[in-house]
Structure formats: structure tokens, C-alpha cells
Amino acid sequence: MYFVGGNHDDYGGRDAYFAALRGVGMRVLDNETVDLHGLQLVGVHDREIHDPEAYRAVLERAGVDRGRASILLAHRPENLAVPEKAGISLQLSGHTHQGQFWPWTLVARRVHGAFAYGLNRFGGMEVFTSSGAGTWGPPLRLGTRSEVVLIRLAGGTAQTSEDRKKNAKRGST
């Protein structure tokens, strides 16, 4: 199990929260990359993605190898050009709750566009945004569903970010 902090994790001080997660066996990815049998799993906390320059520096320090497949865990689908340029293959996000209920469903779409929910392409990178299992504010949903997403990875031909960009232009993946 891997974890990166979201916006609400910073409100009360994230260090104690992260320590509790580590105490139950969760691996908190502190703006770093881990190798999972050749796949790079990169984790960047929410507070570090808002400034594009700082975000770029975090990904450089994390040592993302553009020539290898990678999955980025980033709480919100924001500043997507930064991880795409760094060569990230797939970004997994949440944050939007798909709006959770009207009229916030409209706000989420206005703020995040196509990246408010589902699988979408940004240049040579795929971005998947889940509506998540929880809520913010009132504990209700209307017109959206809670979800826990299972992603199965299958072996295939490795592609560099340049290969993905070429395939994206041709309309194939």
C-alpha cells in the first residue's frame, strides 16, 4: 500500500498523520520514486504540486527515468504539463470527488475540465482521476458515486515518453 498526502492532510499537520499511516504498514511516498519490478512508482504530496517550478524540482530530485514506465500518485490533476514533460506514463489522482453533488459537479468540471473524472490523455501521459470513496464537507453524494478503483497492470512493450507522444499523435496507445 502506497500513499501521498492530499490537501486535507496538511490542515492539522501532516507529520503525525503520516506517522500513523506508517505505523499500520502503509508506505508514504515522500516526493520520491520506488522501483516495483521495473515500474517506477512516484509519489508527490499535494502541497508540492501547486508551483510548477517547485513541482519540476521535486520530480527531478525523485529521479524519474524518462525511458521507463512510471505511475505518478498526485492527489489532484493539476499542473499536468510538469509530470508529462518529466516523462510520466500515468498519473493517478483524486481530489475532485467528481463534484460530489450539484452544483459542485459543475464547479469540478469548470476547474479541472476533462480531468475532473475518468481516464484522459494529456500529451503523452494518461491521467486517471477517481471520484474516491469519501466526501468533503457534508457526508453525502448526489449524482456521483463513491468508488474504489482496481487497476490491473499487464506486461507489454515498454515505451519511452517520446514513443507515447508519437502514438498519441497517430491516435493509438
C-alpha atoms as a PDB file:
ATOM      1  CA  MET A   1       0.000   0.000   0.000  1.00  0.00           C
ATOM      2  CA  TYR A   2       1.315   3.398  -1.015  1.00  0.00           C
ATOM      3  CA  PHE A   3       0.111   6.842  -0.006  1.00  0.00           C
ATOM      4  CA  VAL A   4       0.635  10.507  -0.871  1.00  0.00           C
ATOM      5  CA  GLY A   5      -0.819  13.410   1.060  1.00  0.00           C
ATOM      6  CA  GLY A   6      -3.819  15.378  -0.142  1.00  0.00           C
ATOM      7  CA  ASN A   7      -4.940  18.894   0.636  1.00  0.00           C
ATOM      8  CA  HIS A   8      -6.841  17.970   3.822  1.00  0.00           C
ATOM      9  CA  ASP A   9      -3.843  16.074   5.220  1.00  0.00           C
ATOM     10  CA  ASP A  10      -1.990  19.360   5.723  1.00  0.00           C
ATOM     11  CA  TYR A  11      -4.654  21.078   7.831  1.00  0.00           C
ATOM     12  CA  GLY A  12      -3.668  19.591  11.181  1.00  0.00           C
ATOM     13  CA  GLY A  13      -0.012  18.944  10.394  1.00  0.00           C
ATOM     14  CA  ARG A  14       0.794  16.011   8.193  1.00  0.00           C
ATOM     15  CA  ASP A  15       3.767  14.575  10.107  1.00  0.00           C
ATOM     16  CA  ALA A  16       1.644  12.955  12.850  1.00  0.00           C
ATOM     17  CA  TYR A  17      -0.840  11.717  10.258  1.00  0.00           C
ATOM     18  CA  PHE A  18       1.903  10.191   8.112  1.00  0.00           C
ATOM     19  CA  ALA A  19       3.481   8.577  11.192  1.00  0.00           C
ATOM     20  CA  ALA A  20       0.149   6.903  11.998  1.00  0.00           C
ATOM     21  CA  LEU A  21      -0.113   5.583   8.439  1.00  0.00           C
ATOM     22  CA  ARG A  22       3.422   4.229   8.586  1.00  0.00           C
ATOM     23  CA  GLY A  23       2.550   2.600  11.909  1.00  0.00           C
ATOM     24  CA  VAL A  24      -0.073   0.414  10.228  1.00  0.00           C
ATOM     25  CA  GLY A  25       2.235  -0.599   7.383  1.00  0.00           C
ATOM     26  CA  MET A  26       1.368   1.991   4.740  1.00  0.00           C
ATOM     27  CA  ARG A  27       4.289   3.268   2.653  1.00  0.00           C
ATOM     28  CA  VAL A  28       4.116   7.061   2.500  1.00  0.00           C
ATOM     29  CA  LEU A  29       5.870   8.230  -0.654  1.00  0.00           C
ATOM     30  CA  ASP A  30       7.610  11.442   0.390  1.00  0.00           C
ATOM     31  CA  ASN A  31       8.161  13.053  -3.005  1.00  0.00           C
ATOM     32  CA  GLU A  32      10.145  10.052  -4.129  1.00  0.00           C
ATOM     33  CA  THR A  33      10.315   7.179  -6.590  1.00  0.00           C
ATOM     34  CA  VAL A  34      10.313   3.490  -5.728  1.00  0.00           C
ATOM     35  CA  ASP A  35      11.037   0.643  -8.109  1.00  0.00           C
ATOM     36  CA  LEU A  36       8.377  -2.054  -8.374  1.00  0.00           C
ATOM     37  CA  HIS A  37       9.855  -4.812 -10.527  1.00  0.00           C
ATOM     38  CA  GLY A  38      10.975  -2.299 -13.173  1.00  0.00           C
ATOM     39  CA  LEU A  39       7.973   0.036 -12.873  1.00  0.00           C
ATOM     40  CA  GLN A  40       8.620   3.421 -11.316  1.00  0.00           C
ATOM     41  CA  LEU A  41       6.056   4.460  -8.708  1.00  0.00           C
ATOM     42  CA  VAL A  42       6.390   8.158  -7.976  1.00  0.00           C
ATOM     43  CA  GLY A  43       4.614   9.936  -5.137  1.00  0.00           C
ATOM     44  CA  VAL A  44       4.299  13.703  -4.762  1.00  0.00           C
ATOM     45  CA  HIS A  45       2.304  15.272  -1.922  1.00  0.00           C
ATOM     46  CA  ASP A  46      -0.435  17.755  -2.792  1.00  0.00           C
ATOM     47  CA  ARG A  47       1.214  20.810  -1.282  1.00  0.00           C
ATOM     48  CA  GLU A  48       4.228  20.368  -3.590  1.00  0.00           C
ATOM     49  CA  ILE A  49       2.378  20.410  -6.933  1.00  0.00           C
ATOM     50  CA  HIS A  50       0.911  23.921  -6.938  1.00  0.00           C
ATOM     51  CA  ASP A  51       4.043  25.798  -8.011  1.00  0.00           C
ATOM     52  CA  PRO A  52       5.227  24.414 -11.385  1.00  0.00           C
ATOM     53  CA  GLU A  53       8.898  25.229 -10.710  1.00  0.00           C
ATOM     54  CA  ALA A  54       8.859  23.542  -7.293  1.00  0.00           C
ATOM     55  CA  TYR A  55       6.936  20.585  -8.749  1.00  0.00           C
ATOM     56  CA  ARG A  56       9.515  20.210 -11.537  1.00  0.00           C
ATOM     57  CA  ALA A  57      12.318  20.253  -8.944  1.00  0.00           C
ATOM     58  CA  VAL A  58      10.578  17.575  -6.835  1.00  0.00           C
ATOM     59  CA  LEU A  59      10.273  15.270  -9.853  1.00  0.00           C
ATOM     60  CA  GLU A  60      13.929  15.868 -10.769  1.00  0.00           C
ATOM     61  CA  ARG A  61      15.039  15.028  -7.206  1.00  0.00           C
ATOM     62  CA  ALA A  62      12.818  11.932  -7.295  1.00  0.00           C
ATOM     63  CA  GLY A  63      14.947  10.649 -10.186  1.00  0.00           C
ATOM     64  CA  VAL A  64      12.237   9.783 -12.700  1.00  0.00           C
ATOM     65  CA  ASP A  65      13.789   7.851 -15.596  1.00  0.00           C
ATOM     66  CA  ARG A  66      12.068   9.004 -18.810  1.00  0.00           C
ATOM     67  CA  GLY A  67      12.971   5.742 -20.530  1.00  0.00           C
ATOM     68  CA  ARG A  68      10.975   3.558 -18.109  1.00  0.00           C
ATOM     69  CA  ALA A  69       7.269   3.179 -17.431  1.00  0.00           C
ATOM     70  CA  SER A  70       6.074   5.219 -14.465  1.00  0.00           C
ATOM     71  CA  ILE A  71       2.976   5.851 -12.391  1.00  0.00           C
ATOM     72  CA  LEU A  72       2.656   9.117 -10.506  1.00  0.00           C
ATOM     73  CA  LEU A  73       0.455   9.362  -7.426  1.00  0.00           C
ATOM     74  CA  ALA A  74      -0.562  13.025  -7.140  1.00  0.00           C
ATOM     75  CA  HIS A  75      -3.676  13.988  -5.178  1.00  0.00           C
ATOM     76  CA  ARG A  76      -5.120  16.425  -7.704  1.00  0.00           C
ATOM     77  CA  PRO A  77      -4.933  16.633 -11.502  1.00  0.00           C
ATOM     78  CA  GLU A  78      -3.138  19.982 -11.599  1.00  0.00           C
ATOM     79  CA  ASN A  79      -0.092  21.365 -13.458  1.00  0.00           C
ATOM     80  CA  LEU A  80      -0.207  18.325 -15.727  1.00  0.00           C
ATOM     81  CA  ALA A  81       2.410  19.714 -18.101  1.00  0.00           C
ATOM     82  CA  VAL A  82       5.070  19.225 -15.427  1.00  0.00           C
ATOM     83  CA  PRO A  83       4.789  15.431 -14.993  1.00  0.00           C
ATOM     84  CA  GLU A  84       4.069  14.954 -18.697  1.00  0.00           C
ATOM     85  CA  LYS A  85       7.302  16.743 -19.580  1.00  0.00           C
ATOM     86  CA  ALA A  86       9.151  14.676 -16.950  1.00  0.00           C
ATOM     87  CA  GLY A  87       8.119  11.529 -18.847  1.00  0.00           C
ATOM     88  CA  ILE A  88       5.452  10.183 -16.501  1.00  0.00           C
ATOM     89  CA  SER A  89       3.357   7.464 -18.185  1.00  0.00           C
ATOM     90  CA  LEU A  90       0.244   7.505 -15.983  1.00  0.00           C
ATOM     91  CA  GLN A  91      -0.905   9.882 -13.259  1.00  0.00           C
ATOM     92  CA  LEU A  92      -3.433   8.682 -10.671  1.00  0.00           C
ATOM     93  CA  SER A  93      -5.377  11.419  -8.895  1.00  0.00           C
ATOM     94  CA  GLY A  94      -8.483  12.074  -6.848  1.00  0.00           C
ATOM     95  CA  HIS A  95      -9.363  15.333  -5.080  1.00  0.00           C
ATOM     96  CA  THR A  96     -12.343  16.284  -7.230  1.00  0.00           C
ATOM     97  CA  HIS A  97     -14.861  13.763  -5.793  1.00  0.00           C
ATOM     98  CA  GLN A  98     -16.360  14.268  -9.280  1.00  0.00           C
ATOM     99  CA  GLY A  99     -18.023  17.295  -7.700  1.00  0.00           C
ATOM    100  CA  GLN A 100     -19.798  15.138  -5.089  1.00  0.00           C
ATOM    101  CA  PHE A 101     -23.163  16.908  -5.527  1.00  0.00           C
ATOM    102  CA  TRP A 102     -24.771  19.656  -7.574  1.00  0.00           C
ATOM    103  CA  PRO A 103     -23.711  22.476  -8.073  1.00  0.00           C
ATOM    104  CA  TRP A 104     -20.163  21.345  -7.187  1.00  0.00           C
ATOM    105  CA  THR A 105     -20.299  18.866 -10.073  1.00  0.00           C
ATOM    106  CA  LEU A 106     -20.305  21.909 -12.372  1.00  0.00           C
ATOM    107  CA  VAL A 107     -17.510  23.584 -10.408  1.00  0.00           C
ATOM    108  CA  ALA A 108     -15.314  20.465 -10.593  1.00  0.00           C
ATOM    109  CA  ARG A 109     -15.777  20.286 -14.370  1.00  0.00           C
ATOM    110  CA  ARG A 110     -15.086  24.006 -14.737  1.00  0.00           C
ATOM    111  CA  VAL A 111     -11.883  23.868 -12.647  1.00  0.00           C
ATOM    112  CA  HIS A 112     -10.479  20.532 -13.856  1.00  0.00           C
ATOM    113  CA  GLY A 113     -12.125  20.144 -17.265  1.00  0.00           C
ATOM    114  CA  ALA A 114     -11.895  16.627 -18.687  1.00  0.00           C
ATOM    115  CA  PHE A 115      -9.593  15.692 -15.801  1.00  0.00           C
ATOM    116  CA  ALA A 116     -12.367  16.064 -13.179  1.00  0.00           C
ATOM    117  CA  TYR A 117     -13.127  12.355 -13.598  1.00  0.00           C
ATOM    118  CA  GLY A 118     -12.102   9.277 -15.540  1.00  0.00           C
ATOM    119  CA  LEU A 119      -9.256   8.392 -17.880  1.00  0.00           C
ATOM    120  CA  ASN A 120      -7.982  11.121 -20.190  1.00  0.00           C
ATOM    121  CA  ARG A 121      -4.821  11.856 -22.132  1.00  0.00           C
ATOM    122  CA  PHE A 122      -2.595  14.873 -21.593  1.00  0.00           C
ATOM    123  CA  GLY A 123       0.044  14.881 -24.336  1.00  0.00           C
ATOM    124  CA  GLY A 124       1.999  11.648 -23.929  1.00  0.00           C
ATOM    125  CA  MET A 125       0.626  10.926 -20.446  1.00  0.00           C
ATOM    126  CA  GLU A 126      -2.560   9.209 -19.322  1.00  0.00           C
ATOM    127  CA  VAL A 127      -4.366  10.759 -16.343  1.00  0.00           C
ATOM    128  CA  PHE A 128      -6.917   8.846 -14.291  1.00  0.00           C
ATOM    129  CA  THR A 129      -8.974  10.775 -11.732  1.00  0.00           C
ATOM    130  CA  SER A 130     -11.153   8.789  -9.345  1.00  0.00           C
ATOM    131  CA  SER A 131     -14.202  10.184  -7.564  1.00  0.00           C
ATOM    132  CA  GLY A 132     -12.904   8.392  -4.469  1.00  0.00           C
ATOM    133  CA  ALA A 133     -14.725   6.695  -1.641  1.00  0.00           C
ATOM    134  CA  GLY A 134     -15.029   9.631   0.725  1.00  0.00           C
ATOM    135  CA  THR A 135     -16.558  13.062   0.850  1.00  0.00           C
ATOM    136  CA  TRP A 136     -15.625  16.575   1.919  1.00  0.00           C
ATOM    137  CA  GLY A 137     -17.967  18.841   3.846  1.00  0.00           C
ATOM    138  CA  PRO A 138     -21.398  17.238   4.042  1.00  0.00           C
ATOM    139  CA  PRO A 139     -21.259  13.413   4.094  1.00  0.00           C
ATOM    140  CA  LEU A 140     -23.423  12.929   1.003  1.00  0.00           C
ATOM    141  CA  ARG A 141     -23.269  12.395  -2.733  1.00  0.00           C
ATOM    142  CA  LEU A 142     -25.858  13.284  -5.311  1.00  0.00           C
ATOM    143  CA  GLY A 143     -25.338  12.419  -8.985  1.00  0.00           C
ATOM    144  CA  THR A 144     -21.881  10.917  -8.338  1.00  0.00           C
ATOM    145  CA  ARG A 145     -20.744   7.608  -6.905  1.00  0.00           C
ATOM    146  CA  SER A 146     -18.110   6.601  -4.411  1.00  0.00           C
ATOM    147  CA  GLU A 147     -15.612   4.211  -5.903  1.00  0.00           C
ATOM    148  CA  VAL A 148     -12.560   2.171  -5.119  1.00  0.00           C
ATOM    149  CA  VAL A 149     -10.635   1.582  -8.327  1.00  0.00           C
ATOM    150  CA  LEU A 150      -8.702  -1.574  -9.109  1.00  0.00           C
ATOM    151  CA  ILE A 151      -6.092  -1.190 -11.822  1.00  0.00           C
ATOM    152  CA  ARG A 152      -4.528  -4.323 -13.249  1.00  0.00           C
ATOM    153  CA  LEU A 153      -1.173  -3.892 -14.919  1.00  0.00           C
ATOM    154  CA  ALA A 154      -0.163  -6.301 -17.651  1.00  0.00           C
ATOM    155  CA  GLY A 155       3.225  -6.733 -19.227  1.00  0.00           C
ATOM    156  CA  GLY A 156       3.767  -5.244 -22.615  1.00  0.00           C
ATOM    157  CA  THR A 157       6.244  -3.408 -24.733  1.00  0.00           C
ATOM    158  CA  ALA A 158       7.958  -0.626 -22.852  1.00  0.00           C
ATOM    159  CA  GLN A 159       7.579   2.829 -24.377  1.00  0.00           C
ATOM    160  CA  THR A 160       9.502   5.996 -23.763  1.00  0.00           C
ATOM    161  CA  SER A 161       7.617   9.266 -23.330  1.00  0.00           C
ATOM    162  CA  GLU A 162       8.651  10.158 -26.895  1.00  0.00           C
ATOM    163  CA  ASP A 163       7.091   6.898 -28.186  1.00  0.00           C
ATOM    164  CA  ARG A 164       3.881   7.695 -26.291  1.00  0.00           C
ATOM    165  CA  LYS A 165       3.755  11.191 -27.841  1.00  0.00           C
ATOM    166  CA  LYS A 166       4.192   9.759 -31.349  1.00  0.00           C
ATOM    167  CA  ASN A 167       1.482   7.167 -30.722  1.00  0.00           C
ATOM    168  CA  ALA A 168      -0.820   9.831 -29.277  1.00  0.00           C
ATOM    169  CA  LYS A 169      -0.465  11.903 -32.449  1.00  0.00           C
ATOM    170  CA  ARG A 170      -1.305   8.818 -34.532  1.00  0.00           C
ATOM    171  CA  GLY A 171      -4.299   8.061 -32.298  1.00  0.00           C
ATOM    172  CA  SER A 172      -3.003   4.771 -30.879  1.00  0.00           C
ATOM    173  CA  THR A 173      -1.735   3.787 -27.446  1.00  0.00           C
END
